[in-house]
C-alpha cells in the first residue's frame, strides 16, 4: 500500500484600505469667468474646499473684495447663483463635455443644481453626491458676458479623500512561506 501525503495550503490575502487624500490649491482668475480644475469628481467623493482667498473686482472703481463677493442689490440677473453676492467664488460640478465659458446663451441655467458657493466661509465647504468635472467661477456676467472689467484672482484648496486597497506585508510573507512549503514537499517525494 502506497502512502499518500496531501498538503492543503490555504492562503488568504487580507486587503487593507489605506487612506490617502489628493490636495491641490487652485488659482482662479476673474477672466475667464470659469476655470476648469481638470479634476473629475465621483458622486461618492467627499470634496472639501478650504483656505479660499481673493482680491478681485467686477468693475473699475469698485474696490477689490474677497471670495465672498460684494453685495450688489439687483445684481442677481447677471449672476450665475442669484444671491446678490456679486463676484463671489463659486464652483460647478457637472458634465465634462460642457464649456461654461461659452455663450451667452449659457450652457447651463442660472442656479443650476451643479452650481454651489465656496465664498469666504471659515467653515470648510463640503460637497458630495455630484459627479463630473470641477470648475471654479466668478459670480458675474451670466447674462451680459461683459468680462473685460473683471480683475484679480482667487485661490482655494481642494481635498478629495481616496482609498487604495493594498495587501498586508505579512500576507505576502505567508504567501512566500506557502510556496516554500510546497517546494519542500515536492522535494521529499523525489
Foldseek 3Di string as FASTA:
>chain_A
DDDDDDDDADADWDWDKDKDKDKDKDKFWQPPFKDFPPDWDDLAWKKKKADKWWFKDQAPPDGTDTQQACADVPQQVFFLARPRRAFHKKKFFDAQVADQSDDVVGPAHRPGPRIDGCGHDNDIDIDHRGTHTMMIGTGGRNPPSPSPRMGIMMMIMMMIMDIDIDTDPVSVVSVVVSVVVVVVVVVVVD
